[in-house]
C-alpha atoms as a PDB file:
ATOM      1  CA  VAL A   1      -7.409  -1.035 -21.451  1.00  0.00           C
ATOM      2  CA  ALA A   2     -10.202   1.076 -22.885  1.00  0.00           C
ATOM      3  CA  ARG A   3     -13.265   0.990 -20.645  1.00  0.00           C
ATOM      4  CA  LYS A   4     -15.601   2.431 -23.330  1.00  0.00           C
ATOM      5  CA  PRO A   5     -17.876   4.236 -20.841  1.00  0.00           C
ATOM      6  CA  GLU A   6     -21.510   4.894 -21.671  1.00  0.00           C
ATOM      7  CA  GLY A   7     -24.409   6.064 -19.531  1.00  0.00           C
ATOM      8  CA  LEU A   8     -26.856   8.773 -18.587  1.00  0.00           C
ATOM      9  CA  PHE A   9     -25.849  11.933 -16.740  1.00  0.00           C
ATOM     10  CA  ASP A  10     -26.845  15.510 -16.040  1.00  0.00           C
ATOM     11  CA  ALA A  11     -24.234  18.138 -16.908  1.00  0.00           C
ATOM     12  CA  VAL A  12     -23.538  21.861 -16.715  1.00  0.00           C
ATOM     13  CA  PHE A  13     -20.823  23.335 -18.985  1.00  0.00           C
ATOM     14  CA  SER A  14     -19.131  26.733 -18.851  1.00  0.00           C
ATOM     15  CA  VAL A  15     -16.727  28.148 -21.463  1.00  0.00           C
ATOM     16  CA  THR A  16     -14.830  31.397 -20.807  1.00  0.00           C
ATOM     17  CA  LYS A  17     -11.877  33.087 -22.475  1.00  0.00           C
ATOM     18  CA  ASP A  18     -10.513  34.873 -19.414  1.00  0.00           C
ATOM     19  CA  GLY A  19      -9.265  31.768 -17.593  1.00  0.00           C
ATOM     20  CA  PRO A  20      -5.732  31.600 -16.206  1.00  0.00           C
ATOM     21  CA  THR A  21      -3.098  30.270 -18.578  1.00  0.00           C
ATOM     22  CA  ARG A  22      -0.997  27.195 -17.820  1.00  0.00           C
ATOM     23  CA  ASN A  23       1.991  28.738 -19.644  1.00  0.00           C
ATOM     24  CA  PRO A  24       3.335  31.915 -17.967  1.00  0.00           C
ATOM     25  CA  GLY A  25       3.606  34.846 -20.364  1.00  0.00           C
ATOM     26  CA  SER A  26       1.173  33.479 -22.949  1.00  0.00           C
ATOM     27  CA  GLU A  27      -2.214  34.936 -23.850  1.00  0.00           C
ATOM     28  CA  SER A  28      -5.440  33.959 -22.101  1.00  0.00           C
ATOM     29  CA  GLU A  29      -6.808  30.644 -23.222  1.00  0.00           C
ATOM     30  CA  MET A  30     -10.267  29.166 -23.393  1.00  0.00           C
ATOM     31  CA  ARG A  31     -11.319  27.658 -20.095  1.00  0.00           C
ATOM     32  CA  VAL A  32     -13.864  24.872 -20.078  1.00  0.00           C
ATOM     33  CA  THR A  33     -15.439  23.730 -16.837  1.00  0.00           C
ATOM     34  CA  ALA A  34     -18.125  21.106 -16.383  1.00  0.00           C
ATOM     35  CA  VAL A  35     -20.018  19.354 -13.629  1.00  0.00           C
ATOM     36  CA  PHE A  36     -21.350  15.883 -14.427  1.00  0.00           C
ATOM     37  CA  GLU A  37     -23.855  14.074 -12.226  1.00  0.00           C
ATOM     38  CA  PRO A  38     -23.881  10.465 -13.453  1.00  0.00           C
ATOM     39  CA  ARG A  39     -27.143   8.532 -13.208  1.00  0.00           C
ATOM     40  CA  THR A  40     -26.064   5.237 -14.880  1.00  0.00           C
ATOM     41  CA  LEU A  41     -22.794   3.879 -16.248  1.00  0.00           C
ATOM     42  CA  THR A  42     -21.647   0.833 -18.211  1.00  0.00           C
ATOM     43  CA  LEU A  43     -17.962   0.012 -18.676  1.00  0.00           C
ATOM     44  CA  HIS A  44     -16.484  -2.595 -21.016  1.00  0.00           C
ATOM     45  CA  PRO A  45     -13.085  -3.543 -19.553  1.00  0.00           C
ATOM     46  CA  GLY A  46     -13.019  -6.817 -21.521  1.00  0.00           C
ATOM     47  CA  ASP A  47     -15.488  -9.606 -22.155  1.00  0.00           C
ATOM     48  CA  THR A  48     -17.568  -8.881 -19.030  1.00  0.00           C
ATOM     49  CA  PRO A  49     -19.547  -5.607 -19.046  1.00  0.00           C
ATOM     50  CA  VAL A  50     -19.736  -3.761 -15.725  1.00  0.00           C
ATOM     51  CA  THR A  51     -23.094  -2.032 -15.278  1.00  0.00           C
ATOM     52  CA  PHE A  52     -24.053   0.511 -12.638  1.00  0.00           C
ATOM     53  CA  PRO A  53     -27.815   1.104 -12.998  1.00  0.00           C
ATOM     54  CA  ALA A  54     -27.742   3.678 -10.169  1.00  0.00           C
ATOM     55  CA  MET A  55     -25.163   6.404  -9.516  1.00  0.00           C
ATOM     56  CA  THR A  56     -24.942   9.572  -7.433  1.00  0.00           C
ATOM     57  CA  GLY A  57     -22.325  12.248  -6.791  1.00  0.00           C
ATOM     58  CA  GLN A  58     -20.435  14.633  -9.035  1.00  0.00           C
ATOM     59  CA  ILE A  59     -17.490  14.773 -11.398  1.00  0.00           C
ATOM     60  CA  GLU A  60     -16.130  18.302 -11.743  1.00  0.00           C
ATOM     61  CA  ILE A  61     -13.812  19.094 -14.650  1.00  0.00           C
ATOM     62  CA  ASP A  62     -11.786  22.285 -14.907  1.00  0.00           C
ATOM     63  CA  GLY A  63      -9.457  22.170 -17.921  1.00  0.00           C
ATOM     64  CA  GLY A  64      -6.926  19.406 -17.324  1.00  0.00           C
ATOM     65  CA  ALA A  65      -7.949  18.800 -13.714  1.00  0.00           C
ATOM     66  CA  GLY A  66     -10.968  17.509 -11.895  1.00  0.00           C
ATOM     67  CA  VAL A  67     -12.581  16.340  -8.686  1.00  0.00           C
ATOM     68  CA  LEU A  68     -14.702  13.305  -7.781  1.00  0.00           C
ATOM     69  CA  ARG A  69     -17.212  14.285  -5.086  1.00  0.00           C
ATOM     70  CA  SER A  70     -19.013  11.457  -3.263  1.00  0.00           C
ATOM     71  CA  LEU A  71     -19.210   9.477  -6.498  1.00  0.00           C
ATOM     72  CA  HIS A  72     -21.240   6.369  -5.645  1.00  0.00           C
ATOM     73  CA  ALA A  73     -21.889   3.546  -8.111  1.00  0.00           C
ATOM     74  CA  GLU A  74     -24.328   0.654  -7.468  1.00  0.00           C
ATOM     75  CA  ALA A  75     -23.946  -2.565  -9.455  1.00  0.00           C
ATOM     76  CA  LYS A  76     -26.332  -5.504  -8.989  1.00  0.00           C
ATOM     77  CA  ASP A  77     -24.291  -7.175  -6.227  1.00  0.00           C
ATOM     78  CA  TRP A  78     -21.733  -4.556  -5.201  1.00  0.00           C
ATOM     79  CA  SER A  79     -21.125  -0.836  -4.811  1.00  0.00           C
ATOM     80  CA  ILE A  80     -18.205   1.562  -4.623  1.00  0.00           C
ATOM     81  CA  THR A  81     -17.765   5.162  -3.462  1.00  0.00           C
ATOM     82  CA  ALA A  82     -14.918   7.448  -4.522  1.00  0.00           C
ATOM     83  CA  ASP A  83     -13.690  10.897  -3.545  1.00  0.00           C
ATOM     84  CA  GLY A  84     -10.589  12.231  -5.241  1.00  0.00           C
ATOM     85  CA  ALA A  85      -8.909  14.496  -7.744  1.00  0.00           C
ATOM     86  CA  TRP A  86      -6.842  14.338 -10.921  1.00  0.00           C
ATOM     87  CA  GLU A  87      -4.628  16.701 -12.827  1.00  0.00           C
ATOM     88  CA  THR A  88      -2.809  16.797 -16.131  1.00  0.00           C
ATOM     89  CA  SER A  89       0.795  18.014 -16.122  1.00  0.00           C
ATOM     90  CA  LEU A  90       2.261  20.164 -18.889  1.00  0.00           C
ATOM     91  CA  ASP A  91       3.950  17.058 -20.367  1.00  0.00           C
ATOM     92  CA  GLY A  92       0.524  15.369 -20.693  1.00  0.00           C
ATOM     93  CA  ALA A  93       0.784  12.881 -17.791  1.00  0.00           C
ATOM     94  CA  VAL A  94      -2.476  12.377 -15.887  1.00  0.00           C
ATOM     95  CA  SER A  95      -2.360  11.722 -12.129  1.00  0.00           C
ATOM     96  CA  LEU A  96      -5.360  10.543 -10.080  1.00  0.00           C
ATOM     97  CA  ARG A  97      -5.542  10.275  -6.290  1.00  0.00           C
ATOM     98  CA  THR A  98      -8.682   8.883  -4.711  1.00  0.00           C
ATOM     99  CA  GLN A  99     -10.166   7.434  -1.512  1.00  0.00           C
ATOM    100  CA  LEU A 100     -12.324   4.347  -2.063  1.00  0.00           C
ATOM    101  CA  SER A 101     -14.791   2.282  -0.069  1.00  0.00           C
ATOM    102  CA  GLY A 102     -17.181  -0.419  -1.163  1.00  0.00           C
ATOM    103  CA  SER A 103     -19.054  -3.600  -0.398  1.00  0.00           C
ATOM    104  CA  ALA A 104     -20.155  -6.703  -2.273  1.00  0.00           C
ATOM    105  CA  THR A 105     -22.198  -9.852  -1.715  1.00  0.00           C
ATOM    106  CA  SER A 106     -19.286 -11.866  -3.187  1.00  0.00           C
ATOM    107  CA  LEU A 107     -16.393 -11.516  -5.646  1.00  0.00           C
ATOM    108  CA  THR A 108     -18.677 -11.487  -8.690  1.00  0.00           C
ATOM    109  CA  PRO A 109     -17.454 -11.776 -12.316  1.00  0.00           C
ATOM    110  CA  ASP A 110     -18.170  -8.083 -13.008  1.00  0.00           C
ATOM    111  CA  LEU A 111     -16.326  -6.987  -9.853  1.00  0.00           C
ATOM    112  CA  ARG A 112     -13.354  -9.179 -10.832  1.00  0.00           C
ATOM    113  CA  ALA A 113     -13.466  -7.665 -14.371  1.00  0.00           C
ATOM    114  CA  ILE A 114     -12.989  -4.114 -13.076  1.00  0.00           C
ATOM    115  CA  LEU A 115      -9.843  -4.983 -11.085  1.00  0.00           C
ATOM    116  CA  PRO A 116      -6.404  -4.080 -12.476  1.00  0.00           C
ATOM    117  CA  GLY A 117      -5.150  -6.780 -14.863  1.00  0.00           C
ATOM    118  CA  ASP A 118      -2.157  -7.807 -12.727  1.00  0.00           C
ATOM    119  CA  LEU A 119      -4.356  -8.266  -9.661  1.00  0.00           C
ATOM    120  CA  ARG A 120      -6.997 -10.139 -11.675  1.00  0.00           C
ATOM    121  CA  ASP A 121      -4.274 -12.468 -13.017  1.00  0.00           C
ATOM    122  CA  ALA A 122      -2.834 -13.098  -9.528  1.00  0.00           C
ATOM    123  CA  LEU A 123      -6.276 -13.924  -8.121  1.00  0.00           C
ATOM    124  CA  GLY A 124      -6.899 -16.270 -11.052  1.00  0.00           C
ATOM    125  CA  GLN A 125      -3.596 -18.102 -10.521  1.00  0.00           C
ATOM    126  CA  LEU A 126      -4.567 -18.674  -6.886  1.00  0.00           C
ATOM    127  CA  SER A 127      -8.148 -19.692  -7.817  1.00  0.00           C
ATOM    128  CA  PHE A 128      -9.160 -17.051  -5.268  1.00  0.00           C
ATOM    129  CA  LYS A 129     -12.911 -16.832  -4.549  1.00  0.00           C
ATOM    130  CA  VAL A 130     -15.029 -14.978  -2.017  1.00  0.00           C
ATOM    131  CA  ASP A 131     -18.486 -16.500  -1.665  1.00  0.00           C
ATOM    132  CA  GLY A 132     -19.600 -14.411   1.300  1.00  0.00           C
ATOM    133  CA  PRO A 133     -19.821 -10.679   1.736  1.00  0.00           C
ATOM    134  CA  LEU A 134     -16.735  -8.508   1.430  1.00  0.00           C
ATOM    135  CA  SER A 135     -16.014  -4.848   2.044  1.00  0.00           C
ATOM    136  CA  MET A 136     -13.258  -2.334   1.452  1.00  0.00           C
ATOM    137  CA  GLU A 137     -12.854   0.691   3.723  1.00  0.00           C
ATOM    138  CA  GLU A 138     -10.666   3.788   3.564  1.00  0.00           C
ATOM    139  CA  SER A 139      -8.557   2.555   0.670  1.00  0.00           C
ATOM    140  CA  THR A 140      -6.352   4.831  -1.403  1.00  0.00           C
ATOM    141  CA  LEU A 141      -5.581   4.580  -5.091  1.00  0.00           C
ATOM    142  CA  ALA A 142      -3.019   6.699  -6.948  1.00  0.00           C
ATOM    143  CA  ILE A 143      -2.592   6.273 -10.710  1.00  0.00           C
ATOM    144  CA  THR A 144      -0.308   8.131 -13.116  1.00  0.00           C
ATOM    145  CA  ARG A 145      -0.541   7.586 -16.872  1.00  0.00           C
ATOM    146  CA  GLY A 146       2.149   9.204 -19.004  1.00  0.00           C
ATOM    147  CA  LYS A 147       2.547   9.563 -22.745  1.00  0.00           C
ATOM    148  CA  GLN A 148       4.598   6.341 -22.738  1.00  0.00           C
ATOM    149  CA  SER A 149       3.415   3.253 -20.836  1.00  0.00           C
ATOM    150  CA  ALA A 150       6.892   3.055 -19.243  1.00  0.00           C
ATOM    151  CA  GLU A 151       5.906   6.200 -17.270  1.00  0.00           C
ATOM    152  CA  ASP A 152       2.746   4.605 -15.801  1.00  0.00           C
ATOM    153  CA  SER A 153       2.417   3.881 -12.092  1.00  0.00           C
ATOM    154  CA  THR A 154      -0.305   2.497  -9.827  1.00  0.00           C
ATOM    155  CA  ARG A 155      -0.391   2.432  -6.022  1.00  0.00           C
ATOM    156  CA  PHE A 156      -3.153   0.946  -3.900  1.00  0.00           C
ATOM    157  CA  SER A 157      -3.442   0.528  -0.160  1.00  0.00           C
ATOM    158  CA  GLY A 158      -6.488  -0.679   1.726  1.00  0.00           C
ATOM    159  CA  ALA A 159      -8.167  -3.201   3.971  1.00  0.00           C
ATOM    160  CA  PHE A 160     -10.606  -5.862   2.763  1.00  0.00           C
ATOM    161  CA  THR A 161     -12.914  -7.688   5.149  1.00  0.00           C
ATOM    162  CA  PHE A 162     -14.296 -10.940   3.754  1.00  0.00           C
ATOM    163  CA  THR A 163     -16.299 -14.045   4.635  1.00  0.00           C
ATOM    164  CA  ASN A 164     -16.091 -17.547   3.149  1.00  0.00           C
ATOM    165  CA  ALA A 165     -13.062 -17.079   0.906  1.00  0.00           C
ATOM    166  CA  SER A 166     -10.972 -19.849  -0.619  1.00  0.00           C
ATOM    167  CA  LEU A 167      -7.780 -20.240  -2.640  1.00  0.00           C
ATOM    168  CA  LYS A 168      -5.293 -22.792  -3.916  1.00  0.00           C
ATOM    169  CA  ALA A 169      -1.657 -22.083  -3.025  1.00  0.00           C
ATOM    170  CA  GLY A 170      -0.138 -25.543  -3.367  1.00  0.00           C
ATOM    171  CA  VAL A 171      -2.927 -26.800  -1.126  1.00  0.00           C
ATOM    172  CA  GLU A 172      -6.592 -25.888  -1.068  1.00  0.00           C
ATOM    173  CA  ILE A 173      -7.549 -23.441   1.669  1.00  0.00           C
ATOM    174  CA  SER A 174     -11.224 -22.733   2.386  1.00  0.00           C
ATOM    175  CA  ASP A 175     -13.562 -21.120   4.907  1.00  0.00           C
ATOM    176  CA  LEU A 176     -11.350 -18.051   5.250  1.00  0.00           C
ATOM    177  CA  ASN A 177     -12.874 -15.175   7.221  1.00  0.00           C
ATOM    178  CA  GLY A 178     -11.051 -12.020   8.222  1.00  0.00           C
ATOM    179  CA  THR A 179      -9.399  -8.803   7.151  1.00  0.00           C
ATOM    180  CA  LEU A 180      -6.591  -8.446   4.643  1.00  0.00           C
ATOM    181  CA  ASP A 181      -4.440  -5.317   4.709  1.00  0.00           C
ATOM    182  CA  SER A 182      -3.122  -4.963   1.183  1.00  0.00           C
ATOM    183  CA  THR A 183      -0.666  -2.828  -0.726  1.00  0.00           C
ATOM    184  CA  TYR A 184      -0.139  -2.981  -4.476  1.00  0.00           C
ATOM    185  CA  GLN A 185       2.470  -0.999  -6.322  1.00  0.00           C
ATOM    186  CA  SER A 186       3.481  -0.882  -9.977  1.00  0.00           C
ATOM    187  CA  LEU A 187       6.139   1.755 -10.622  1.00  0.00           C
ATOM    188  CA  PRO A 188       7.883   2.838 -13.835  1.00  0.00           C
END
């Protein structure tokens, strides 16, 4: 799903010709590095835009690889922080590994919109709601996107603490408070 990102950021770019080559024995290639410091960001994962009017941290790009350094995004009712790295293999597959933490006043429509489609669908089928605060600590996310969607994988592991959640799983369950240790995996 295209997120169609838009926003304001500060950036520093560097282009050199003497960078190391990714193909042994070939000539030097152009090396492009950049450091972005996002200030705002809007994503469009579907019908519900996700807007972060305040952001801090850095995104460093070095050719086909990069690093997320203390990237913190503040939406109206929730926030998320990410530290991680990605790389592009010679066959074009992109792999991202990141540590995540965040908090929210509730499971808002824009927070639900940013979730992976399979998870969003599962929560919808259960009529899952969180009306009280929730948080996510020390979660890990690993994503690989290949040239063919059959090569794609996603792995998530983390703990969510929530207040005043409800769901329908054959019967209606309400007033749920606690911590949910979760693991999600979608492999090729």
